[in-house]
């Protein structure tokens, strides 16, 4: 089993920055995909960013590209969020999957954190 714990959320004004962290513990894997997702009230969970552990390749949803950066450092994953907008307001989740396909599909991920709230005021 893998445990994921997010932190770093908060209430900020538009234009500010936040860095979310996700600490992983438990079973280790040689190859995996890490992802960040978000879910606003009344909306479906949506893909934000992914990073492949072996290649370091990253992928982003179009609306955050250039503003958000996904990275990792050993057992921690990060999401640096700059130039935040009110539409970025959501509960943010980190996730982990063992296969490289379907990285934008939340149903394809095996492990999830409990989420951290990000609220951006205008």
C-alpha atoms as a PDB file:
ATOM      1  CA  UNK A   1       0.000   0.000   0.000  1.00  0.00           C
ATOM      2  CA  UNK A   2       0.973   3.604  -0.579  1.00  0.00           C
ATOM      3  CA  UNK A   3      -0.067   6.542   1.551  1.00  0.00           C
ATOM      4  CA  UNK A   4      -0.199  10.036   0.061  1.00  0.00           C
ATOM      5  CA  UNK A   5      -0.593  13.172   2.174  1.00  0.00           C
ATOM      6  CA  UNK A   6      -1.037  16.613   0.616  1.00  0.00           C
ATOM      7  CA  UNK A   7      -0.268  19.941   2.227  1.00  0.00           C
ATOM      8  CA  UNK A   8       0.239  23.559   1.260  1.00  0.00           C
ATOM      9  CA  UNK A   9      -3.234  24.686   0.331  1.00  0.00           C
ATOM     10  CA  UNK A  10      -4.735  27.938   1.513  1.00  0.00           C
ATOM     11  CA  UNK A  11      -6.594  31.134   0.753  1.00  0.00           C
ATOM     12  CA  UNK A  12      -4.775  33.585  -1.508  1.00  0.00           C
ATOM     13  CA  UNK A  13      -5.573  36.527  -3.746  1.00  0.00           C
ATOM     14  CA  UNK A  14      -5.534  36.329  -7.507  1.00  0.00           C
ATOM     15  CA  UNK A  15      -2.007  36.570  -8.859  1.00  0.00           C
ATOM     16  CA  UNK A  16      -0.417  34.938  -5.825  1.00  0.00           C
ATOM     17  CA  UNK A  17       1.530  31.684  -5.669  1.00  0.00           C
ATOM     18  CA  UNK A  18       1.206  28.486  -3.675  1.00  0.00           C
ATOM     19  CA  UNK A  19       3.249  25.313  -3.555  1.00  0.00           C
ATOM     20  CA  UNK A  20       1.433  22.088  -2.831  1.00  0.00           C
ATOM     21  CA  UNK A  21       3.345  19.126  -1.455  1.00  0.00           C
ATOM     22  CA  UNK A  22       2.498  15.447  -1.506  1.00  0.00           C
ATOM     23  CA  UNK A  23       4.412  13.097   0.774  1.00  0.00           C
ATOM     24  CA  UNK A  24       4.441   9.438  -0.189  1.00  0.00           C
ATOM     25  CA  UNK A  25       5.107   6.533   2.139  1.00  0.00           C
ATOM     26  CA  UNK A  26       4.704   2.789   2.167  1.00  0.00           C
ATOM     27  CA  UNK A  27       5.419   0.509  -0.756  1.00  0.00           C
ATOM     28  CA  UNK A  28       7.930   1.728  -3.328  1.00  0.00           C
ATOM     29  CA  UNK A  29       7.846   1.258  -7.084  1.00  0.00           C
ATOM     30  CA  UNK A  30      10.538   1.504  -9.712  1.00  0.00           C
ATOM     31  CA  UNK A  31       8.264   3.096 -12.300  1.00  0.00           C
ATOM     32  CA  UNK A  32       5.122   5.167 -11.806  1.00  0.00           C
ATOM     33  CA  UNK A  33       3.199   8.229 -12.853  1.00  0.00           C
ATOM     34  CA  UNK A  34       2.425  10.951 -10.338  1.00  0.00           C
ATOM     35  CA  UNK A  35      -0.517  13.210 -10.899  1.00  0.00           C
ATOM     36  CA  UNK A  36      -2.292  16.233  -9.509  1.00  0.00           C
ATOM     37  CA  UNK A  37      -6.034  16.555  -9.907  1.00  0.00           C
ATOM     38  CA  UNK A  38      -8.570  19.085  -8.664  1.00  0.00           C
ATOM     39  CA  UNK A  39     -12.254  19.137  -7.980  1.00  0.00           C
ATOM     40  CA  UNK A  40     -14.436  22.198  -7.541  1.00  0.00           C
ATOM     41  CA  UNK A  41     -17.874  21.973  -5.879  1.00  0.00           C
ATOM     42  CA  UNK A  42     -20.425  20.507  -8.242  1.00  0.00           C
ATOM     43  CA  UNK A  43     -17.821  19.587 -10.844  1.00  0.00           C
ATOM     44  CA  UNK A  44     -16.012  16.421 -11.791  1.00  0.00           C
ATOM     45  CA  UNK A  45     -12.451  15.769 -10.741  1.00  0.00           C
ATOM     46  CA  UNK A  46     -10.131  17.025 -13.463  1.00  0.00           C
ATOM     47  CA  UNK A  47      -6.568  16.421 -14.475  1.00  0.00           C
ATOM     48  CA  UNK A  48      -4.044  19.159 -13.671  1.00  0.00           C
ATOM     49  CA  UNK A  49      -0.550  17.733 -14.216  1.00  0.00           C
ATOM     50  CA  UNK A  50       1.425  14.492 -14.391  1.00  0.00           C
ATOM     51  CA  UNK A  51       5.040  13.457 -14.157  1.00  0.00           C
ATOM     52  CA  UNK A  52       6.611  10.171 -15.245  1.00  0.00           C
ATOM     53  CA  UNK A  53       9.137   8.875 -12.725  1.00  0.00           C
ATOM     54  CA  UNK A  54      11.523   7.201 -15.187  1.00  0.00           C
ATOM     55  CA  UNK A  55      11.693   9.833 -17.931  1.00  0.00           C
ATOM     56  CA  UNK A  56      10.837  12.990 -16.023  1.00  0.00           C
ATOM     57  CA  UNK A  57       8.359  13.919 -18.724  1.00  0.00           C
ATOM     58  CA  UNK A  58       5.504  16.172 -17.640  1.00  0.00           C
ATOM     59  CA  UNK A  59       2.055  16.979 -18.927  1.00  0.00           C
ATOM     60  CA  UNK A  60      -0.390  19.753 -18.024  1.00  0.00           C
ATOM     61  CA  UNK A  61      -3.953  20.723 -18.712  1.00  0.00           C
ATOM     62  CA  UNK A  62      -4.046  23.663 -21.089  1.00  0.00           C
ATOM     63  CA  UNK A  63      -5.424  26.190 -18.609  1.00  0.00           C
ATOM     64  CA  UNK A  64      -2.495  25.784 -16.185  1.00  0.00           C
ATOM     65  CA  UNK A  65       0.350  25.368 -18.654  1.00  0.00           C
ATOM     66  CA  UNK A  66       2.969  28.055 -18.068  1.00  0.00           C
ATOM     67  CA  UNK A  67       1.629  28.817 -14.579  1.00  0.00           C
ATOM     68  CA  UNK A  68       1.899  25.456 -12.785  1.00  0.00           C
ATOM     69  CA  UNK A  69       4.950  23.226 -12.469  1.00  0.00           C
ATOM     70  CA  UNK A  70       4.970  19.627 -11.267  1.00  0.00           C
ATOM     71  CA  UNK A  71       8.147  18.208  -9.771  1.00  0.00           C
ATOM     72  CA  UNK A  72       9.389  15.580  -7.357  1.00  0.00           C
ATOM     73  CA  UNK A  73      12.175  15.089  -4.880  1.00  0.00           C
ATOM     74  CA  UNK A  74      12.638  11.541  -3.645  1.00  0.00           C
ATOM     75  CA  UNK A  75       9.399  10.654  -1.836  1.00  0.00           C
ATOM     76  CA  UNK A  76       7.772  14.054  -2.256  1.00  0.00           C
ATOM     77  CA  UNK A  77       5.864  15.511  -5.165  1.00  0.00           C
ATOM     78  CA  UNK A  78       5.160  19.198  -5.637  1.00  0.00           C
ATOM     79  CA  UNK A  79       2.857  21.459  -7.588  1.00  0.00           C
ATOM     80  CA  UNK A  80       4.128  25.011  -7.840  1.00  0.00           C
ATOM     81  CA  UNK A  81       1.213  27.254  -8.745  1.00  0.00           C
ATOM     82  CA  UNK A  82       1.914  30.795  -9.912  1.00  0.00           C
ATOM     83  CA  UNK A  83      -0.378  33.552 -11.146  1.00  0.00           C
ATOM     84  CA  UNK A  84      -3.336  31.918  -9.488  1.00  0.00           C
ATOM     85  CA  UNK A  85      -6.814  32.724 -10.756  1.00  0.00           C
ATOM     86  CA  UNK A  86     -10.216  32.427  -9.072  1.00  0.00           C
ATOM     87  CA  UNK A  87     -11.035  29.566 -11.450  1.00  0.00           C
ATOM     88  CA  UNK A  88      -8.171  27.576  -9.896  1.00  0.00           C
ATOM     89  CA  UNK A  89     -10.207  27.327  -6.685  1.00  0.00           C
ATOM     90  CA  UNK A  90     -10.729  23.647  -5.874  1.00  0.00           C
ATOM     91  CA  UNK A  91      -9.742  20.753  -3.681  1.00  0.00           C
ATOM     92  CA  UNK A  92      -6.413  19.496  -4.998  1.00  0.00           C
ATOM     93  CA  UNK A  93      -5.416  15.839  -4.851  1.00  0.00           C
ATOM     94  CA  UNK A  94      -2.182  14.016  -5.569  1.00  0.00           C
ATOM     95  CA  UNK A  95      -2.348  10.540  -7.046  1.00  0.00           C
ATOM     96  CA  UNK A  96      -0.129   7.686  -8.157  1.00  0.00           C
ATOM     97  CA  UNK A  97      -0.480   5.040 -10.849  1.00  0.00           C
ATOM     98  CA  UNK A  98       1.725   2.203 -12.015  1.00  0.00           C
ATOM     99  CA  UNK A  99       1.046   2.362 -15.748  1.00  0.00           C
ATOM    100  CA  UNK A 100       1.882   5.167 -18.125  1.00  0.00           C
ATOM    101  CA  UNK A 101      -1.324   5.271 -20.134  1.00  0.00           C
ATOM    102  CA  UNK A 102      -4.541   7.214 -19.452  1.00  0.00           C
ATOM    103  CA  UNK A 103      -2.699   9.709 -17.291  1.00  0.00           C
ATOM    104  CA  UNK A 104      -5.513  12.259 -17.476  1.00  0.00           C
ATOM    105  CA  UNK A 105      -8.153   9.786 -16.282  1.00  0.00           C
ATOM    106  CA  UNK A 106      -8.645   9.869 -12.494  1.00  0.00           C
ATOM    107  CA  UNK A 107     -10.115   6.356 -12.623  1.00  0.00           C
ATOM    108  CA  UNK A 108      -6.744   5.050 -13.841  1.00  0.00           C
ATOM    109  CA  UNK A 109      -4.911   6.069 -10.662  1.00  0.00           C
ATOM    110  CA  UNK A 110      -4.292   3.537  -7.915  1.00  0.00           C
ATOM    111  CA  UNK A 111      -3.582   5.706  -4.884  1.00  0.00           C
ATOM    112  CA  UNK A 112      -4.953   9.050  -3.714  1.00  0.00           C
ATOM    113  CA  UNK A 113      -4.308  11.577  -1.003  1.00  0.00           C
ATOM    114  CA  UNK A 114      -7.044  13.180   1.061  1.00  0.00           C
ATOM    115  CA  UNK A 115      -6.807  16.531  -0.713  1.00  0.00           C
ATOM    116  CA  UNK A 116      -5.902  20.094   0.201  1.00  0.00           C
ATOM    117  CA  UNK A 117      -8.103  23.129  -0.416  1.00  0.00           C
ATOM    118  CA  UNK A 118      -6.950  26.003  -2.602  1.00  0.00           C
ATOM    119  CA  UNK A 119      -9.110  29.115  -2.645  1.00  0.00           C
ATOM    120  CA  UNK A 120      -8.251  32.080  -4.845  1.00  0.00           C
ATOM    121  CA  UNK A 121     -10.119  35.324  -4.255  1.00  0.00           C
ATOM    122  CA  UNK A 122     -10.568  37.978  -6.916  1.00  0.00           C
END
